[in-house]
Amino acid sequence: MSSVIKNKVEILLKRIDLILNDFENFDKPILNDKGDIIIRNKITRRTKKENSVLANVFKQIIADDIKKNRV
């Protein structure tokens, strides 16, 4: 990107950030490699740890169930 375009993108991101300051549910806007502006919702995100714990619980339940059926 040229320096003029980068400067305009930075100004746009700063203005969006100012608007988002009125809303506590959103993270700061970021620019991805395709040039899209991404604004993520803080509330709906889950951590990978939460997902892995749930997956591990189901794996254990299934493993216990298989052991019961073999006996």
N, C-alpha and C. Protein backbone atom coordinates (compact mmCIF):
# COMPACT_ATOMS: atom_id res chain seq x y z
N MET A 1 0.84 -1.18 0.00
CA MET A 1 0.00 0.00 0.00
C MET A 1 0.89 1.25 0.00
N SER A 2 0.39 2.25 -0.62
CA SER A 2 1.13 3.51 -0.61
C SER A 2 0.95 4.19 0.75
N SER A 3 1.83 5.13 1.02
CA SER A 3 1.78 5.80 2.32
C SER A 3 0.50 6.62 2.49
N VAL A 4 -0.04 7.14 1.38
CA VAL A 4 -1.28 7.92 1.46
C VAL A 4 -2.45 7.03 1.87
N ILE A 5 -2.51 5.85 1.27
CA ILE A 5 -3.59 4.91 1.59
C ILE A 5 -3.44 4.41 3.03
N LYS A 6 -2.21 4.09 3.44
CA LYS A 6 -1.99 3.64 4.82
C LYS A 6 -2.42 4.70 5.82
N ASN A 7 -2.12 5.95 5.51
CA ASN A 7 -2.49 7.05 6.39
C ASN A 7 -4.01 7.16 6.50
N LYS A 8 -4.70 7.04 5.37
CA LYS A 8 -6.18 7.12 5.39
C LYS A 8 -6.79 5.95 6.15
N VAL A 9 -6.20 4.77 6.00
CA VAL A 9 -6.70 3.60 6.71
C VAL A 9 -6.50 3.79 8.22
N GLU A 10 -5.35 4.31 8.61
CA GLU A 10 -5.11 4.56 10.04
C GLU A 10 -6.10 5.57 10.60
N ILE A 11 -6.39 6.62 9.84
CA ILE A 11 -7.37 7.62 10.28
C ILE A 11 -8.75 6.98 10.41
N LEU A 12 -9.12 6.15 9.44
CA LEU A 12 -10.41 5.46 9.49
C LEU A 12 -10.51 4.56 10.71
N LEU A 13 -9.45 3.80 10.98
CA LEU A 13 -9.46 2.91 12.15
C LEU A 13 -9.56 3.70 13.46
N LYS A 14 -8.89 4.84 13.53
CA LYS A 14 -8.98 5.68 14.73
C LYS A 14 -10.39 6.22 14.92
N ARG A 15 -11.03 6.62 13.82
CA ARG A 15 -12.41 7.13 13.94
C ARG A 15 -13.38 6.03 14.34
N ILE A 16 -13.20 4.86 13.78
CA ILE A 16 -14.05 3.73 14.17
C ILE A 16 -13.84 3.41 15.64
N ASP A 17 -12.59 3.45 16.07
CA ASP A 17 -12.28 3.19 17.48
C ASP A 17 -12.95 4.21 18.39
N LEU A 18 -12.99 5.47 17.98
CA LEU A 18 -13.68 6.49 18.77
C LEU A 18 -15.17 6.19 18.90
N ILE A 19 -15.77 5.73 17.83
CA ILE A 19 -17.19 5.36 17.87
C ILE A 19 -17.40 4.16 18.79
N LEU A 20 -16.50 3.17 18.68
CA LEU A 20 -16.64 1.96 19.49
C LEU A 20 -16.40 2.20 20.97
N ASN A 21 -15.79 3.31 21.33
CA ASN A 21 -15.59 3.62 22.74
C ASN A 21 -16.93 3.80 23.47
N ASP A 22 -17.97 4.14 22.73
CA ASP A 22 -19.31 4.28 23.33
C ASP A 22 -19.96 2.93 23.60
N PHE A 23 -19.41 1.88 23.03
CA PHE A 23 -19.96 0.53 23.18
C PHE A 23 -18.90 -0.35 23.83
N GLU A 24 -19.22 -0.93 24.97
CA GLU A 24 -18.23 -1.73 25.68
C GLU A 24 -18.18 -3.17 25.19
N ASN A 25 -19.06 -3.58 24.28
CA ASN A 25 -19.12 -4.96 23.83
C ASN A 25 -18.16 -5.29 22.69
N PHE A 26 -17.41 -4.30 22.19
CA PHE A 26 -16.60 -4.53 21.01
C PHE A 26 -15.12 -4.27 21.26
N ASP A 27 -14.29 -5.09 20.61
CA ASP A 27 -12.84 -4.89 20.64
C ASP A 27 -12.44 -3.79 19.67
N LYS A 28 -11.17 -3.43 19.71
CA LYS A 28 -10.66 -2.44 18.77
C LYS A 28 -10.71 -3.00 17.35
N PRO A 29 -10.95 -2.16 16.36
CA PRO A 29 -10.96 -2.65 14.98
C PRO A 29 -9.55 -3.01 14.53
N ILE A 30 -9.46 -4.07 13.74
CA ILE A 30 -8.17 -4.46 13.18
C ILE A 30 -8.32 -4.62 11.66
N LEU A 31 -7.23 -4.52 10.97
CA LEU A 31 -7.20 -4.66 9.52
C LEU A 31 -6.53 -5.98 9.20
N ASN A 32 -7.24 -6.87 8.49
CA ASN A 32 -6.62 -8.15 8.14
C ASN A 32 -5.80 -8.02 6.85
N ASP A 33 -5.19 -9.11 6.43
CA ASP A 33 -4.30 -9.07 5.27
C ASP A 33 -5.03 -8.84 3.95
N LYS A 34 -6.33 -9.02 3.93
CA LYS A 34 -7.11 -8.78 2.71
C LYS A 34 -7.60 -7.33 2.63
N GLY A 35 -7.38 -6.56 3.68
CA GLY A 35 -7.83 -5.18 3.71
C GLY A 35 -9.19 -4.98 4.35
N ASP A 36 -9.73 -6.04 4.95
CA ASP A 36 -11.02 -5.94 5.62
C ASP A 36 -10.83 -5.41 7.04
N ILE A 37 -11.77 -4.61 7.48
CA ILE A 37 -11.75 -4.12 8.85
C ILE A 37 -12.59 -5.08 9.69
N ILE A 38 -11.97 -5.64 10.73
CA ILE A 38 -12.62 -6.63 11.58
C ILE A 38 -12.92 -5.98 12.93
N ILE A 39 -14.19 -6.06 13.34
CA ILE A 39 -14.61 -5.58 14.66
C ILE A 39 -15.24 -6.78 15.36
N ARG A 40 -14.58 -7.25 16.40
CA ARG A 40 -15.05 -8.45 17.09
C ARG A 40 -15.88 -8.09 18.30
N ASN A 41 -16.87 -8.93 18.55
CA ASN A 41 -17.73 -8.79 19.72
C ASN A 41 -17.07 -9.49 20.89
N LYS A 42 -16.91 -8.81 22.01
CA LYS A 42 -16.25 -9.38 23.18
C LYS A 42 -17.08 -10.49 23.82
N ILE A 43 -18.38 -10.36 23.77
CA ILE A 43 -19.26 -11.26 24.51
C ILE A 43 -19.33 -12.65 23.89
N THR A 44 -19.39 -12.76 22.58
CA THR A 44 -19.64 -14.04 21.95
C THR A 44 -18.39 -14.89 21.77
N ARG A 45 -17.21 -14.34 22.03
CA ARG A 45 -16.00 -15.13 21.85
C ARG A 45 -15.82 -16.11 22.99
N ARG A 46 -15.38 -17.30 22.66
CA ARG A 46 -15.03 -18.29 23.66
C ARG A 46 -13.55 -18.58 23.55
N THR A 47 -12.96 -18.91 24.65
CA THR A 47 -11.55 -19.24 24.59
C THR A 47 -11.38 -20.68 24.12
N LYS A 48 -10.23 -20.97 23.59
CA LYS A 48 -9.95 -22.33 23.13
C LYS A 48 -9.94 -23.30 24.29
N LYS A 49 -9.54 -22.81 25.46
CA LYS A 49 -9.49 -23.67 26.63
C LYS A 49 -10.88 -24.16 27.00
N GLU A 50 -11.89 -23.28 26.94
CA GLU A 50 -13.26 -23.68 27.25
C GLU A 50 -13.74 -24.74 26.27
N ASN A 51 -13.43 -24.57 25.00
CA ASN A 51 -13.84 -25.54 24.00
C ASN A 51 -13.15 -26.88 24.21
N SER A 52 -11.87 -26.87 24.55
CA SER A 52 -11.15 -28.12 24.72
C SER A 52 -11.62 -28.86 25.97
N VAL A 53 -11.99 -28.14 27.02
CA VAL A 53 -12.49 -28.78 28.23
C VAL A 53 -13.79 -29.51 27.92
N LEU A 54 -14.68 -28.86 27.19
CA LEU A 54 -15.94 -29.50 26.82
C LEU A 54 -15.70 -30.73 25.94
N ALA A 55 -14.79 -30.63 25.00
CA ALA A 55 -14.47 -31.76 24.13
C ALA A 55 -13.89 -32.91 24.95
N ASN A 56 -13.04 -32.60 25.91
CA ASN A 56 -12.44 -33.64 26.75
C ASN A 56 -13.49 -34.34 27.61
N VAL A 57 -14.46 -33.60 28.09
CA VAL A 57 -15.54 -34.20 28.88
C VAL A 57 -16.32 -35.21 28.04
N PHE A 58 -16.67 -34.83 26.81
CA PHE A 58 -17.40 -35.75 25.95
C PHE A 58 -16.55 -36.95 25.57
N LYS A 59 -15.26 -36.77 25.35
CA LYS A 59 -14.38 -37.90 25.05
C LYS A 59 -14.36 -38.88 26.19
N GLN A 60 -14.30 -38.35 27.41
CA GLN A 60 -14.28 -39.22 28.59
C GLN A 60 -15.60 -39.98 28.75
N ILE A 61 -16.70 -39.31 28.53
CA ILE A 61 -18.02 -39.96 28.61
C ILE A 61 -18.12 -41.09 27.60
N ILE A 62 -17.69 -40.83 26.38
CA ILE A 62 -17.75 -41.84 25.32
C ILE A 62 -16.83 -43.01 25.66
N ALA A 63 -15.63 -42.71 26.15
CA ALA A 63 -14.68 -43.77 26.51
C ALA A 63 -15.25 -44.64 27.63
N ASP A 64 -15.85 -44.03 28.63
CA ASP A 64 -16.46 -44.78 29.74
C ASP A 64 -17.63 -45.63 29.26
N ASP A 65 -18.41 -45.10 28.33
CA ASP A 65 -19.55 -45.82 27.79
C ASP A 65 -19.09 -47.04 26.99
N ILE A 66 -18.02 -46.90 26.25
CA ILE A 66 -17.51 -48.04 25.46
C ILE A 66 -17.00 -49.11 26.39
N LYS A 67 -16.34 -48.74 27.49
CA LYS A 67 -15.83 -49.72 28.45
C LYS A 67 -16.99 -50.48 29.10
N LYS A 68 -18.10 -49.82 29.41
CA LYS A 68 -19.26 -50.45 30.01
C LYS A 68 -19.89 -51.45 29.07
N ASN A 69 -19.92 -51.14 27.78
CA ASN A 69 -20.54 -52.03 26.81
C ASN A 69 -19.70 -53.27 26.55
N ARG A 70 -18.41 -53.24 26.79
CA ARG A 70 -17.55 -54.40 26.56
C ARG A 70 -17.65 -55.40 27.69
N VAL A 71 -18.01 -54.97 28.86
CA VAL A 71 -18.04 -55.88 30.02
C VAL A 71 -19.30 -56.66 30.05
